[in-house]
Amino acid sequence: MQFSFSTCLEVDAALVEQALAPATDLLTPPPRARLLALLQRMCQVAEPSRGAPRILLVLAKMARCPWLDGVLIVRVHAEDPYTRIDLLTDDGISLERLCPSARINAPFQEFARAARLRPDLLQPLFTDELDDRRLHLRASERPSSRSESDLQVAARSLLKPERSERPKAAAPPIQWSKPNEAALARAEPPPAPPTGPVRQIEQTTRMPSQQAAELVARIKLKKQQLVEEQPAPPPDTVKKPQG
């Protein structure tokens, strides 16, 4: 895209918006190339007291462009009687030069005066450093990666499941039925706990191991005493060994 203006005073908001507009066909250069071409033309035709600080206004527009690979940094240095401008991007890891340095036929004081008097016009660019020889501007934040078109927003909305607007039905309350007293009266009572040897065995199994061992020893001793107390059989019943 070729620009034919002969002074920076001819650059207005409409011309900047035209450079930033999306490409309508394959033959139209992208916004990045058109905006850099606009800045290049402004640097070529710049003259003292002829609107050279408008370059900073165009750079403020560039700071919002989504095609920037990081935060825009503008460095303006005095090289009397000229001014040098360097454009860089900061991606958080390193600095990358956006385009070659531009040497402008305008004094540095014009750019420094514009930054002091109307800093609000340069937003989102803010002054990092300003003295008699240099002016450093930096964007406040990184621009969004890419702006969505209406078609992209509509396509994404179609992929989302529709939410039903009907209110959820409340769960029915729990109804507790009354106990049937007649059935409870006819119910059989629970079995009685076991007694006698079975009860003694249950108690033995529930005893600790040491108490169970003592009980077993007592039972064995009792059996041995019962065997010793039995009367001896009569002599005639004893079988004699055959000689």
Foldseek 3Di string as FASTA:
>chain_A
DDDDDQFLVPDDPVQLVVLQDADPDPVDDGSVVSLVNVLQNNQVRYAEPGNNLCSLLSVLVVQQDLQDQAKWKWKWFFDVPKIKIWIWHDNPPDIDTPDDIGIHHYHPVVNLVCCVPCVVSNPLWHWPDDDPTMTMTIGPGHHHNDDDDPVVVVVVVVPDDDDDPDDDDDDDDDDDDDDDVVVVVPDDDDDDDDDDPVVVVVVLVVDDPVVNVVVVVVVVVVVVVVVVPDDDDDPVVDDDDDD
